[in-house]
Amino acid sequence: MIGDKCVAIGSDQRIGIQYLTVGSNQQKIFKIQDNILMGLSGLATDIQTFSLEMRRKVELYRIKENVDLTPQLFINLVSSTLYEHRFSPFYLNPIVVGLDVKDNYKPYVACYDSIGCITQSGEFQVAGTSSEMLYGACEAFFKPKMDSEQLFETCSQCLLSGINRDCFSGWGAVVYLMTPGKIECKRLKARQD
């Protein structure tokens, strides 16, 4: 979700095989830079592989160009990387959020399908097993130009609402709130089943 010079991204912490819970502390949100976060939902091994691949590409870009990526450039890099693997795709749905430091901290949010098609609504994006439940809550509670506290509360309540209605999600939640110059990570208590 985006707000006024702030963005928030959250996820549950369950890793499982359908109804079988394998773990309850899965990292699904990755810091790419100080102004870009990437959330990944899908196959756990592809989440690890893809996050390492994107870190490698970002570091190579920094070495070659000697500058940090803008959120829009990283959004396009994720899309092209997913499209490179279209014949044996990663089984995941990335969400990228970021603040453009050079454009007065303009917030960005983008979501992809498994072959790199970008969806940018300019408000919020959802992915994962509880995405159908999340859409309704996000559409009901999202307001434009929310400050960071309102954004955190809205994102948290929508996430918990979606988790509580999906049997493939749960075991706690984590929400990252990005404001100019700061990233806060807050853990939420959620269903433990």
Foldseek 3Di string as FASTA:
>chain_A
DDAALKDKDKFFQFDADVLGTDDGHHDQKDDQDLFKIKGKAFDSVLSVVLVVVLNVVQVVCCVVVVDHDFQVRSLVVSLVVLQVCVVPWRGIKMKMWGFGPVPVRQIFIWIAHRNRDIDGPPWDDDDYDLRVQLVVLCVVQTDYNDDQVSNVVSNVVSNQRSQVVDSRGHSWMWMWMRHVPDIDIDIDHHDRD
